[in-house]
């Protein structure tokens, strides 16, 4: 499914019904959201979305898209996620957290604790095998084998994939899980 700001993740379109399992008033956090393609999709489906990124231009692009749709169920926060601790990750604050094409391992515990019981994590990013195909190549930005699965092993795993995807060719791990 295309969105004005890019292609929406197939994980979100496939598992949109899971979002109906929690109150629409609960926030969905789109972490390191970039141009907001995934969060905007949920916003258009009447979910309350908080967009977080350090790139002010990307957040302005989201603001323009939101104004076109006249949707008020959102917040935009410019945050350096790799900087100092912030109050973004209050315990059991979010109904769901979305993380696509971003990895900062020190955030794993905060992400886990910030999701409500019964809430969802949608996580997809590059694995170490990505080096064969191009960027990123820095090991700090690449998941180790089964790392994502192990990070959420005590959650209900709804969907997990680790391997090569095509068009464009890339090596990723993706996870959809529910907090017990």
N, C-alpha and C. Protein backbone atom coordinates (compact mmCIF):
# COMPACT_ATOMS: atom_id res chain seq x y z
N UNK A 1 0.85 -1.18 0.00
CA UNK A 1 0.00 0.00 0.00
C UNK A 1 0.89 1.24 0.00
N UNK A 2 0.62 2.16 -0.91
CA UNK A 2 1.39 3.40 -0.99
C UNK A 2 0.74 4.46 -0.11
N UNK A 3 1.58 5.29 0.40
CA UNK A 3 1.16 6.45 1.16
C UNK A 3 1.88 7.63 0.55
N UNK A 4 1.37 8.83 0.71
CA UNK A 4 2.03 10.01 0.14
C UNK A 4 3.50 10.10 0.54
N UNK A 5 3.84 9.64 1.72
CA UNK A 5 5.21 9.73 2.21
C UNK A 5 6.01 8.45 1.99
N UNK A 6 5.52 7.52 1.17
CA UNK A 6 6.26 6.30 0.86
C UNK A 6 5.43 5.05 1.06
N UNK A 7 6.09 3.93 0.87
CA UNK A 7 5.45 2.62 0.98
C UNK A 7 5.25 2.25 2.45
N UNK A 8 4.04 1.90 2.80
CA UNK A 8 3.72 1.47 4.16
C UNK A 8 4.22 0.04 4.34
N UNK A 9 4.75 -0.26 5.51
CA UNK A 9 5.25 -1.61 5.79
C UNK A 9 4.14 -2.64 5.63
N UNK A 10 4.49 -3.75 4.96
CA UNK A 10 3.51 -4.84 4.81
C UNK A 10 3.11 -5.41 6.17
N UNK A 11 3.99 -5.31 7.17
CA UNK A 11 3.63 -5.80 8.50
C UNK A 11 2.44 -5.03 9.07
N UNK A 12 2.42 -3.73 8.85
CA UNK A 12 1.30 -2.92 9.37
C UNK A 12 0.01 -3.20 8.63
N UNK A 13 0.09 -3.32 7.32
CA UNK A 13 -1.14 -3.58 6.58
C UNK A 13 -1.67 -4.98 6.90
N UNK A 14 -0.77 -5.94 7.04
CA UNK A 14 -1.17 -7.31 7.34
C UNK A 14 -1.77 -7.44 8.74
N UNK A 15 -1.17 -6.74 9.69
CA UNK A 15 -1.58 -6.90 11.09
C UNK A 15 -2.36 -5.72 11.65
N UNK A 16 -2.92 -4.89 10.80
CA UNK A 16 -3.73 -3.77 11.28
C UNK A 16 -4.83 -4.23 12.25
N UNK A 17 -5.49 -5.38 12.02
CA UNK A 17 -6.53 -5.80 12.97
C UNK A 17 -6.02 -5.97 14.41
N UNK A 18 -4.73 -6.24 14.60
CA UNK A 18 -4.20 -6.37 15.97
C UNK A 18 -4.33 -5.06 16.75
N UNK A 19 -4.28 -3.95 16.05
CA UNK A 19 -4.37 -2.65 16.73
C UNK A 19 -5.76 -2.43 17.34
N UNK A 20 -6.73 -3.16 16.85
CA UNK A 20 -8.08 -3.02 17.38
C UNK A 20 -8.23 -3.71 18.73
N UNK A 21 -7.18 -4.42 19.17
CA UNK A 21 -7.23 -5.12 20.45
C UNK A 21 -6.96 -4.19 21.63
N UNK A 22 -6.57 -2.95 21.34
CA UNK A 22 -6.38 -2.01 22.45
C UNK A 22 -7.09 -0.70 22.14
N UNK A 23 -7.34 0.06 23.16
CA UNK A 23 -8.07 1.32 23.09
C UNK A 23 -7.39 2.28 22.11
N UNK A 24 -8.14 2.83 21.19
CA UNK A 24 -7.60 3.76 20.20
C UNK A 24 -7.02 5.03 20.83
N UNK A 25 -7.40 5.30 22.06
CA UNK A 25 -6.85 6.47 22.75
C UNK A 25 -5.40 6.25 23.18
N UNK A 26 -4.99 4.99 23.27
CA UNK A 26 -3.61 4.69 23.65
C UNK A 26 -2.68 5.12 22.52
N UNK A 27 -1.56 5.69 22.90
CA UNK A 27 -0.62 6.20 21.90
C UNK A 27 0.12 5.07 21.20
N UNK A 28 0.38 5.30 19.92
CA UNK A 28 1.30 4.48 19.15
C UNK A 28 2.54 5.34 18.94
N UNK A 29 3.69 4.82 19.29
CA UNK A 29 4.95 5.54 19.11
C UNK A 29 5.61 5.09 17.82
N UNK A 30 5.84 6.03 16.90
CA UNK A 30 6.59 5.76 15.67
C UNK A 30 8.00 6.30 15.92
N UNK A 31 8.90 5.41 16.32
CA UNK A 31 10.24 5.75 16.78
C UNK A 31 11.21 5.86 15.61
N UNK A 32 11.98 6.96 15.58
CA UNK A 32 12.90 7.22 14.46
C UNK A 32 12.10 7.14 13.17
N UNK A 33 11.02 7.90 13.14
CA UNK A 33 9.96 7.75 12.13
C UNK A 33 10.33 8.19 10.72
N UNK A 34 11.40 8.95 10.56
CA UNK A 34 11.73 9.43 9.21
C UNK A 34 10.59 10.26 8.67
N UNK A 35 10.13 9.93 7.45
CA UNK A 35 9.04 10.70 6.85
C UNK A 35 7.66 10.28 7.35
N UNK A 36 7.61 9.32 8.27
CA UNK A 36 6.36 8.99 8.94
C UNK A 36 5.40 8.08 8.21
N UNK A 37 5.87 7.42 7.17
CA UNK A 37 4.96 6.62 6.33
C UNK A 37 4.12 5.63 7.14
N UNK A 38 4.73 4.97 8.12
CA UNK A 38 4.00 3.95 8.88
C UNK A 38 3.05 4.58 9.91
N UNK A 39 3.53 5.56 10.63
CA UNK A 39 2.67 6.24 11.60
C UNK A 39 1.51 6.96 10.93
N UNK A 40 1.76 7.55 9.76
CA UNK A 40 0.68 8.23 9.04
C UNK A 40 -0.41 7.25 8.61
N UNK A 41 0.00 6.05 8.24
CA UNK A 41 -0.97 5.01 7.90
C UNK A 41 -1.88 4.72 9.10
N UNK A 42 -1.30 4.59 10.28
CA UNK A 42 -2.11 4.34 11.47
C UNK A 42 -2.95 5.56 11.85
N UNK A 43 -2.40 6.73 11.67
CA UNK A 43 -3.14 7.96 11.93
C UNK A 43 -4.38 8.03 11.03
N UNK A 44 -4.21 7.66 9.77
CA UNK A 44 -5.34 7.65 8.83
C UNK A 44 -6.39 6.61 9.23
N UNK A 45 -5.97 5.63 10.03
CA UNK A 45 -6.90 4.63 10.54
C UNK A 45 -7.37 4.98 11.95
N UNK A 46 -7.25 6.26 12.29
CA UNK A 46 -7.78 6.84 13.53
C UNK A 46 -7.10 6.36 14.81
N UNK A 47 -5.80 6.12 14.72
CA UNK A 47 -5.03 5.82 15.93
C UNK A 47 -4.24 7.05 16.33
N UNK A 48 -4.00 7.18 17.62
CA UNK A 48 -3.28 8.31 18.20
C UNK A 48 -1.78 8.03 18.09
N UNK A 49 -1.07 8.78 17.25
CA UNK A 49 0.34 8.49 16.94
C UNK A 49 1.26 9.61 17.42
N UNK A 50 2.35 9.21 18.07
CA UNK A 50 3.42 10.13 18.42
C UNK A 50 4.60 9.83 17.50
N UNK A 51 4.97 10.82 16.70
CA UNK A 51 6.08 10.69 15.75
C UNK A 51 7.34 11.25 16.40
N UNK A 52 8.41 10.46 16.43
CA UNK A 52 9.66 10.89 17.05
C UNK A 52 10.81 10.68 16.07
N UNK A 53 11.57 11.75 15.86
CA UNK A 53 12.76 11.67 15.00
C UNK A 53 13.65 12.85 15.37
N UNK A 54 14.93 12.75 15.05
CA UNK A 54 15.82 13.89 15.31
C UNK A 54 15.86 14.85 14.13
N UNK A 55 15.32 14.43 12.98
CA UNK A 55 15.37 15.23 11.76
C UNK A 55 14.17 16.18 11.69
N UNK A 56 14.44 17.45 11.85
CA UNK A 56 13.38 18.47 11.85
C UNK A 56 12.65 18.53 10.50
N UNK A 57 13.38 18.35 9.40
CA UNK A 57 12.76 18.39 8.07
C UNK A 57 11.77 17.25 7.88
N UNK A 58 12.14 16.07 8.36
CA UNK A 58 11.23 14.93 8.26
C UNK A 58 9.96 15.18 9.06
N UNK A 59 10.10 15.75 10.25
CA UNK A 59 8.92 16.06 11.06
C UNK A 59 8.05 17.13 10.41
N UNK A 60 8.67 18.08 9.72
CA UNK A 60 7.90 19.10 8.99
C UNK A 60 7.11 18.46 7.85
N UNK A 61 7.71 17.46 7.20
CA UNK A 61 7.01 16.74 6.13
C UNK A 61 5.79 16.01 6.69
N UNK A 62 5.94 15.44 7.86
CA UNK A 62 4.81 14.77 8.53
C UNK A 62 3.73 15.80 8.86
N UNK A 63 4.15 16.94 9.36
CA UNK A 63 3.21 18.01 9.69
C UNK A 63 2.38 18.41 8.48
N UNK A 64 3.02 18.52 7.33
CA UNK A 64 2.30 18.87 6.09
C UNK A 64 1.28 17.80 5.73
N UNK A 65 1.68 16.54 5.85
CA UNK A 65 0.76 15.44 5.53
C UNK A 65 -0.43 15.43 6.48
N UNK A 66 -0.19 15.70 7.75
CA UNK A 66 -1.26 15.71 8.74
C UNK A 66 -2.23 16.86 8.47
N UNK A 67 -1.69 18.02 8.11
CA UNK A 67 -2.56 19.17 7.81
C UNK A 67 -3.48 18.88 6.63
N UNK A 68 -2.95 18.18 5.62
CA UNK A 68 -3.77 17.83 4.47
C UNK A 68 -4.96 16.96 4.88
N UNK A 69 -4.73 16.10 5.87
CA UNK A 69 -5.78 15.18 6.32
C UNK A 69 -6.59 15.72 7.50
N UNK A 70 -6.17 16.87 8.02
CA UNK A 70 -6.86 17.51 9.15
C UNK A 70 -7.04 16.56 10.33
N UNK A 71 -6.02 15.80 10.62
CA UNK A 71 -6.09 14.84 11.71
C UNK A 71 -5.41 15.42 12.94
N UNK A 72 -6.07 15.34 14.07
CA UNK A 72 -5.56 15.91 15.32
C UNK A 72 -4.97 14.87 16.27
N UNK A 73 -5.04 13.59 15.92
CA UNK A 73 -4.61 12.53 16.84
C UNK A 73 -3.11 12.26 16.74
N UNK A 74 -2.31 13.29 16.92
CA UNK A 74 -0.87 13.06 16.77
C UNK A 74 -0.06 14.09 17.56
N UNK A 75 1.20 13.73 17.78
CA UNK A 75 2.20 14.65 18.31
C UNK A 75 3.47 14.41 17.52
N UNK A 76 4.30 15.44 17.39
CA UNK A 76 5.60 15.32 16.73
C UNK A 76 6.65 15.81 17.71
N UNK A 77 7.66 14.98 17.93
CA UNK A 77 8.72 15.34 18.88
C UNK A 77 10.07 15.20 18.21
N UNK A 78 10.86 16.26 18.27
CA UNK A 78 12.23 16.19 17.77
C UNK A 78 13.11 15.76 18.94
N UNK A 79 13.66 14.55 18.84
CA UNK A 79 14.43 13.96 19.94
C UNK A 79 15.65 13.25 19.36
N UNK A 80 16.79 13.47 19.99
CA UNK A 80 17.98 12.68 19.66
C UNK A 80 17.92 11.43 20.52
N UNK A 81 17.48 10.34 19.94
CA UNK A 81 17.25 9.11 20.68
C UNK A 81 18.53 8.51 21.25
N UNK A 82 19.65 8.89 20.69
CA UNK A 82 20.93 8.34 21.14
C UNK A 82 21.62 9.27 22.13
N UNK A 83 20.95 10.37 22.46
CA UNK A 83 21.49 11.33 23.42
C UNK A 83 21.08 10.97 24.84
N UNK A 84 20.93 11.97 25.63
CA UNK A 84 20.61 11.78 27.05
C UNK A 84 19.24 11.12 27.22
N UNK A 85 19.05 10.52 28.37
CA UNK A 85 17.76 9.91 28.70
C UNK A 85 16.66 10.98 28.63
N UNK A 86 15.49 10.57 28.26
CA UNK A 86 14.37 11.51 28.22
C UNK A 86 13.12 10.83 28.76
N UNK A 87 12.08 11.60 28.93
CA UNK A 87 10.85 11.08 29.53
C UNK A 87 9.94 10.40 28.52
N UNK A 88 10.40 10.25 27.29
CA UNK A 88 9.60 9.62 26.25
C UNK A 88 9.17 8.20 26.65
N UNK A 89 10.09 7.48 27.29
CA UNK A 89 9.85 6.07 27.58
C UNK A 89 9.35 5.84 29.00
N UNK A 90 8.22 6.43 29.32
CA UNK A 90 7.60 6.16 30.62
C UNK A 90 7.10 4.72 30.62
N UNK A 91 7.15 4.04 31.75
CA UNK A 91 6.67 2.66 31.80
C UNK A 91 5.20 2.55 31.39
N UNK A 92 4.91 1.56 30.58
CA UNK A 92 3.55 1.23 30.13
C UNK A 92 2.78 2.44 29.63
N UNK A 93 3.38 3.16 28.72
CA UNK A 93 2.77 4.37 28.16
C UNK A 93 2.10 4.11 26.81
N UNK A 94 2.69 3.24 25.99
CA UNK A 94 2.25 3.10 24.60
C UNK A 94 1.49 1.79 24.36
N UNK A 95 0.46 1.89 23.53
CA UNK A 95 -0.25 0.70 23.09
C UNK A 95 0.56 -0.09 22.08
N UNK A 96 1.41 0.61 21.35
CA UNK A 96 2.28 -0.05 20.37
C UNK A 96 3.47 0.85 20.09
N UNK A 97 4.57 0.22 19.70
CA UNK A 97 5.76 0.94 19.27
C UNK A 97 6.16 0.40 17.90
N UNK A 98 6.44 1.32 16.98
CA UNK A 98 6.91 0.98 15.64
C UNK A 98 8.37 1.39 15.51
N UNK A 99 9.21 0.48 15.04
CA UNK A 99 10.61 0.80 14.78
C UNK A 99 10.97 0.16 13.45
N UNK A 100 11.30 0.99 12.47
CA UNK A 100 11.66 0.50 11.15
C UNK A 100 12.97 1.16 10.72
N UNK A 101 13.91 0.32 10.28
CA UNK A 101 15.20 0.79 9.75
C UNK A 101 15.97 1.64 10.75
N UNK A 102 15.95 1.22 12.00
CA UNK A 102 16.67 1.94 13.04
C UNK A 102 17.09 0.94 14.11
N UNK A 103 18.30 1.13 14.63
CA UNK A 103 18.79 0.27 15.71
C UNK A 103 19.70 1.07 16.62
N UNK A 104 19.33 1.13 17.87
CA UNK A 104 20.18 1.66 18.94
C UNK A 104 19.92 0.76 20.14
N UNK A 105 20.77 -0.25 20.29
CA UNK A 105 20.56 -1.30 21.29
C UNK A 105 20.27 -0.81 22.70
N UNK A 106 20.90 0.27 23.15
CA UNK A 106 20.60 0.73 24.52
C UNK A 106 19.13 1.08 24.73
N UNK A 107 18.36 1.26 23.66
CA UNK A 107 16.93 1.58 23.80
C UNK A 107 16.05 0.35 24.01
N UNK A 108 16.58 -0.84 23.76
CA UNK A 108 15.76 -2.05 23.89
C UNK A 108 15.02 -2.12 25.23
N UNK A 109 15.68 -1.97 26.38
CA UNK A 109 14.94 -2.06 27.65
C UNK A 109 13.86 -0.98 27.79
N UNK A 110 14.15 0.23 27.33
CA UNK A 110 13.17 1.32 27.41
C UNK A 110 11.97 1.06 26.51
N UNK A 111 12.22 0.56 25.32
CA UNK A 111 11.13 0.22 24.40
C UNK A 111 10.24 -0.84 25.04
N UNK A 112 10.85 -1.89 25.55
CA UNK A 112 10.09 -2.98 26.16
C UNK A 112 9.21 -2.48 27.31
N UNK A 113 9.79 -1.68 28.20
CA UNK A 113 9.04 -1.24 29.38
C UNK A 113 7.98 -0.20 29.05
N UNK A 114 8.15 0.53 27.95
CA UNK A 114 7.20 1.60 27.61
C UNK A 114 5.90 1.09 27.00
N UNK A 115 5.86 -0.18 26.64
CA UNK A 115 4.66 -0.76 26.02
C UNK A 115 3.74 -1.33 27.09
N UNK A 116 2.46 -1.01 26.97
CA UNK A 116 1.46 -1.52 27.90
C UNK A 116 1.35 -3.04 27.83
N UNK A 117 0.91 -3.67 28.91
CA UNK A 117 0.62 -5.10 28.86
C UNK A 117 -0.43 -5.33 27.78
N UNK A 118 -0.18 -6.29 26.92
CA UNK A 118 -1.08 -6.56 25.80
C UNK A 118 -0.78 -5.70 24.59
N UNK A 119 0.18 -4.77 24.73
CA UNK A 119 0.55 -3.89 23.62
C UNK A 119 1.47 -4.59 22.63
N UNK A 120 1.76 -3.89 21.55
CA UNK A 120 2.46 -4.48 20.41
C UNK A 120 3.79 -3.80 20.11
N UNK A 121 4.72 -4.59 19.60
CA UNK A 121 5.96 -4.07 19.02
C UNK A 121 6.01 -4.52 17.56
N UNK A 122 6.27 -3.58 16.68
CA UNK A 122 6.54 -3.85 15.27
C UNK A 122 7.96 -3.37 15.03
N UNK A 123 8.87 -4.29 14.77
CA UNK A 123 10.28 -3.92 14.63
C UNK A 123 10.84 -4.57 13.38
N UNK A 124 11.46 -3.76 12.54
CA UNK A 124 12.11 -4.29 11.34
C UNK A 124 13.35 -3.46 11.04
N UNK A 125 14.48 -4.13 10.94
CA UNK A 125 15.71 -3.43 10.58
C UNK A 125 16.70 -4.41 9.98
N UNK A 126 17.84 -3.89 9.61
CA UNK A 126 18.84 -4.66 8.88
C UNK A 126 19.61 -5.62 9.78
N UNK A 127 20.05 -6.73 9.19
CA UNK A 127 20.89 -7.70 9.90
C UNK A 127 22.32 -7.60 9.39
N UNK A 128 23.21 -8.30 10.07
CA UNK A 128 24.64 -8.29 9.71
C UNK A 128 24.87 -8.74 8.27
N UNK A 129 24.01 -9.58 7.73
CA UNK A 129 24.15 -10.05 6.35
C UNK A 129 23.91 -8.93 5.33
N UNK A 130 23.41 -7.79 5.77
CA UNK A 130 23.16 -6.65 4.89
C UNK A 130 24.45 -6.15 4.23
N UNK A 131 25.58 -6.37 4.87
CA UNK A 131 26.86 -5.89 4.32
C UNK A 131 27.09 -6.39 2.90
N UNK A 132 26.52 -7.54 2.54
CA UNK A 132 26.66 -8.07 1.17
C UNK A 132 25.95 -7.21 0.14
N UNK A 133 24.93 -6.48 0.58
CA UNK A 133 24.06 -5.75 -0.34
C UNK A 133 24.28 -4.25 -0.35
N UNK A 134 24.94 -3.73 0.65
CA UNK A 134 25.14 -2.27 0.72
C UNK A 134 24.97 -1.77 2.13
N UNK A 135 24.62 -0.50 2.23
CA UNK A 135 24.50 0.16 3.53
C UNK A 135 23.23 -0.25 4.25
N UNK A 136 23.26 -0.19 5.57
CA UNK A 136 24.39 0.17 6.43
C UNK A 136 25.38 -0.99 6.56
N UNK A 137 26.60 -0.65 6.88
CA UNK A 137 27.65 -1.65 7.07
C UNK A 137 28.21 -1.65 8.49
N UNK A 138 27.96 -0.57 9.22
CA UNK A 138 28.46 -0.44 10.58
C UNK A 138 27.75 -1.47 11.48
N UNK A 139 28.50 -2.34 12.17
CA UNK A 139 27.88 -3.36 13.03
C UNK A 139 26.95 -2.78 14.10
N UNK A 140 27.15 -1.54 14.48
CA UNK A 140 26.27 -0.91 15.47
C UNK A 140 24.86 -0.74 14.95
N UNK A 141 24.70 -0.73 13.62
CA UNK A 141 23.39 -0.53 13.01
C UNK A 141 22.81 -1.81 12.42
N UNK A 142 23.44 -2.95 12.72
CA UNK A 142 23.03 -4.23 12.14
C UNK A 142 22.76 -5.25 13.25
N UNK A 143 21.61 -5.87 13.17
CA UNK A 143 21.27 -6.91 14.15
C UNK A 143 22.13 -8.15 13.95
N UNK A 144 22.48 -8.77 15.05
CA UNK A 144 23.14 -10.07 14.99
C UNK A 144 22.06 -11.13 14.72
N UNK A 145 22.48 -12.30 14.33
CA UNK A 145 21.54 -13.38 14.04
C UNK A 145 20.65 -13.64 15.26
N UNK A 146 19.35 -13.65 15.05
CA UNK A 146 18.32 -13.90 16.07
C UNK A 146 18.28 -12.87 17.20
N UNK A 147 18.98 -11.76 17.07
CA UNK A 147 19.03 -10.78 18.16
C UNK A 147 17.66 -10.20 18.48
N UNK A 148 16.90 -9.87 17.47
CA UNK A 148 15.58 -9.30 17.69
C UNK A 148 14.66 -10.32 18.36
N UNK A 149 14.71 -11.54 17.88
CA UNK A 149 13.91 -12.61 18.45
C UNK A 149 14.28 -12.85 19.92
N UNK A 150 15.56 -12.84 20.21
CA UNK A 150 16.02 -13.05 21.59
C UNK A 150 15.64 -11.88 22.50
N UNK A 151 15.64 -10.68 21.97
CA UNK A 151 15.30 -9.50 22.76
C UNK A 151 13.85 -9.55 23.25
N UNK A 152 12.98 -10.15 22.44
CA UNK A 152 11.56 -10.22 22.79
C UNK A 152 11.10 -11.67 22.99
N UNK A 153 12.01 -12.55 23.38
CA UNK A 153 11.69 -13.98 23.48
C UNK A 153 10.62 -14.29 24.51
N UNK A 154 10.45 -13.45 25.51
CA UNK A 154 9.44 -13.70 26.53
C UNK A 154 8.08 -13.08 26.18
N UNK A 155 7.96 -12.54 24.98
CA UNK A 155 6.69 -11.97 24.50
C UNK A 155 6.01 -12.99 23.59
N UNK A 156 4.73 -12.76 23.31
CA UNK A 156 4.02 -13.61 22.35
C UNK A 156 4.47 -13.20 20.95
N UNK A 157 5.19 -14.07 20.27
CA UNK A 157 5.69 -13.78 18.93
C UNK A 157 4.56 -14.06 17.94
N UNK A 158 4.14 -13.04 17.24
CA UNK A 158 3.05 -13.16 16.27
C UNK A 158 3.62 -13.41 14.88
N UNK A 159 4.72 -12.76 14.56
CA UNK A 159 5.35 -12.91 13.25
C UNK A 159 6.84 -12.65 13.41
N UNK A 160 7.64 -13.49 12.80
CA UNK A 160 9.09 -13.27 12.80
C UNK A 160 9.66 -13.72 11.47
N UNK A 161 10.54 -12.89 10.92
CA UNK A 161 11.25 -13.23 9.69
C UNK A 161 12.68 -12.73 9.82
N UNK A 162 13.59 -13.56 9.37
CA UNK A 162 14.98 -13.12 9.28
C UNK A 162 15.55 -13.72 8.01
N UNK A 163 16.01 -12.85 7.12
CA UNK A 163 16.56 -13.32 5.86
C UNK A 163 16.61 -12.21 4.83
N UNK A 164 16.63 -12.61 3.57
CA UNK A 164 16.77 -11.67 2.46
C UNK A 164 15.41 -11.36 1.87
N UNK A 165 15.15 -10.09 1.67
CA UNK A 165 13.97 -9.61 0.95
C UNK A 165 14.46 -9.00 -0.36
N UNK A 166 13.57 -8.93 -1.32
CA UNK A 166 13.94 -8.42 -2.64
C UNK A 166 13.09 -7.21 -3.01
N UNK A 167 13.63 -6.45 -3.95
CA UNK A 167 12.95 -5.28 -4.52
C UNK A 167 12.72 -4.19 -3.48
N UNK A 168 13.76 -3.60 -2.93
CA UNK A 168 15.18 -3.83 -3.22
C UNK A 168 15.74 -4.96 -2.36
N UNK A 169 16.85 -5.52 -2.83
CA UNK A 169 17.48 -6.62 -2.10
C UNK A 169 18.10 -6.09 -0.81
N UNK A 170 17.76 -6.76 0.30
CA UNK A 170 18.26 -6.35 1.60
C UNK A 170 18.11 -7.51 2.57
N UNK A 171 18.92 -7.51 3.60
CA UNK A 171 18.86 -8.55 4.63
C UNK A 171 18.29 -7.92 5.90
N UNK A 172 17.15 -8.45 6.34
CA UNK A 172 16.44 -7.84 7.47
C UNK A 172 15.97 -8.89 8.47
N UNK A 173 15.60 -8.40 9.62
CA UNK A 173 14.83 -9.17 10.59
C UNK A 173 13.59 -8.33 10.89
N UNK A 174 12.45 -8.99 10.96
CA UNK A 174 11.21 -8.28 11.30
C UNK A 174 10.46 -9.09 12.35
N UNK A 175 9.81 -8.35 13.24
CA UNK A 175 9.13 -8.98 14.36
C UNK A 175 7.84 -8.22 14.67
N UNK A 176 6.80 -8.98 14.92
CA UNK A 176 5.57 -8.45 15.50
C UNK A 176 5.34 -9.30 16.75
N UNK A 177 5.21 -8.64 17.90
CA UNK A 177 5.03 -9.37 19.16
C UNK A 177 4.11 -8.60 20.09
N UNK A 178 3.47 -9.36 21.00
CA UNK A 178 2.57 -8.77 22.00
C UNK A 178 3.18 -8.96 23.38
N UNK A 179 3.15 -7.88 24.16
CA UNK A 179 3.68 -7.94 25.52
C UNK A 179 2.73 -8.74 26.41
N UNK A 180 3.27 -9.69 27.17
CA UNK A 180 2.40 -10.50 28.03
C UNK A 180 1.81 -9.68 29.19
